Amino acid sequence: MLPLLASATTPRTAPEPSDLFLFAAAVLAVWFVRRSLRKRFRDRGPK
């Protein structure tokens, strides 16, 4: 009976494209939320 993962593993030499995409999406999400919150509180003004 063959093992479920019969393929040989290789050492990682660089990040996968999906890793780079997830990092870019996280950076854009943080930027968008910070921009939205700053605009929200700037428009509201001090009480």
C-alpha atoms as a PDB file:
ATOM      1  CA  MET A   1       0.000   0.000   0.000  1.00  0.00           C
ATOM      2  CA  LEU A   2       1.359   3.431  -0.973  1.00  0.00           C
ATOM      3  CA  PRO A   3       1.546   6.238   1.579  1.00  0.00           C
ATOM      4  CA  LEU A   4      -0.877   9.114   1.067  1.00  0.00           C
ATOM      5  CA  LEU A   5       1.901  11.648   0.479  1.00  0.00           C
ATOM      6  CA  ALA A   6       4.294   9.766  -1.758  1.00  0.00           C
ATOM      7  CA  SER A   7       5.895  12.853  -3.329  1.00  0.00           C
ATOM      8  CA  ALA A   8       9.295  13.995  -2.136  1.00  0.00           C
ATOM      9  CA  THR A   9       9.486  17.375  -0.452  1.00  0.00           C
ATOM     10  CA  THR A  10      11.967  20.024  -1.500  1.00  0.00           C
ATOM     11  CA  PRO A  11      13.347  22.860   0.616  1.00  0.00           C
ATOM     12  CA  ARG A  12      11.653  26.199   0.081  1.00  0.00           C
ATOM     13  CA  THR A  13      13.880  28.715  -1.646  1.00  0.00           C
ATOM     14  CA  ALA A  14      11.367  31.540  -2.098  1.00  0.00           C
ATOM     15  CA  PRO A  15       7.849  32.417  -0.983  1.00  0.00           C
ATOM     16  CA  GLU A  16       4.990  31.029  -3.028  1.00  0.00           C
ATOM     17  CA  PRO A  17       3.022  33.527  -5.153  1.00  0.00           C
ATOM     18  CA  SER A  18      -0.019  32.941  -2.927  1.00  0.00           C
ATOM     19  CA  ASP A  19       2.045  34.004   0.107  1.00  0.00           C
ATOM     20  CA  LEU A  20       2.977  37.251  -1.623  1.00  0.00           C
ATOM     21  CA  PHE A  21      -0.645  37.850  -2.638  1.00  0.00           C
ATOM     22  CA  LEU A  22      -1.885  37.303   0.927  1.00  0.00           C
ATOM     23  CA  PHE A  23       0.747  39.695   2.280  1.00  0.00           C
ATOM     24  CA  ALA A  24      -0.229  42.356  -0.275  1.00  0.00           C
ATOM     25  CA  ALA A  25      -3.930  41.879   0.514  1.00  0.00           C
ATOM     26  CA  ALA A  26      -3.241  42.283   4.253  1.00  0.00           C
ATOM     27  CA  VAL A  27      -1.239  45.471   3.649  1.00  0.00           C
ATOM     28  CA  LEU A  28      -4.032  46.920   1.504  1.00  0.00           C
ATOM     29  CA  ALA A  29      -6.667  45.960   4.080  1.00  0.00           C
ATOM     30  CA  VAL A  30      -4.762  47.655   6.911  1.00  0.00           C
ATOM     31  CA  TRP A  31      -4.204  50.750   4.778  1.00  0.00           C
ATOM     32  CA  PHE A  32      -7.887  50.915   3.798  1.00  0.00           C
ATOM     33  CA  VAL A  33      -9.148  50.514   7.382  1.00  0.00           C
ATOM     34  CA  ARG A  34      -6.725  53.115   8.746  1.00  0.00           C
ATOM     35  CA  ARG A  35      -7.715  55.576   6.008  1.00  0.00           C
ATOM     36  CA  SER A  36     -11.417  55.011   6.673  1.00  0.00           C
ATOM     37  CA  LEU A  37     -11.076  55.436  10.425  1.00  0.00           C
ATOM     38  CA  ARG A  38      -9.000  58.593  10.062  1.00  0.00           C
ATOM     39  CA  LYS A  39     -11.586  60.087   7.712  1.00  0.00           C
ATOM     40  CA  ARG A  40     -14.427  59.090  10.040  1.00  0.00           C
ATOM     41  CA  PHE A  41     -12.900  60.714  13.092  1.00  0.00           C
ATOM     42  CA  ARG A  42     -11.611  63.767  11.182  1.00  0.00           C
ATOM     43  CA  ASP A  43     -15.124  64.520   9.899  1.00  0.00           C
ATOM     44  CA  ARG A  44     -16.653  64.029  13.323  1.00  0.00           C
ATOM     45  CA  GLY A  45     -14.321  66.555  14.958  1.00  0.00           C
ATOM     46  CA  PRO A  46     -13.662  67.048  18.653  1.00  0.00           C
ATOM     47  CA  LYS A  47     -16.651  67.308  20.973  1.00  0.00           C
END
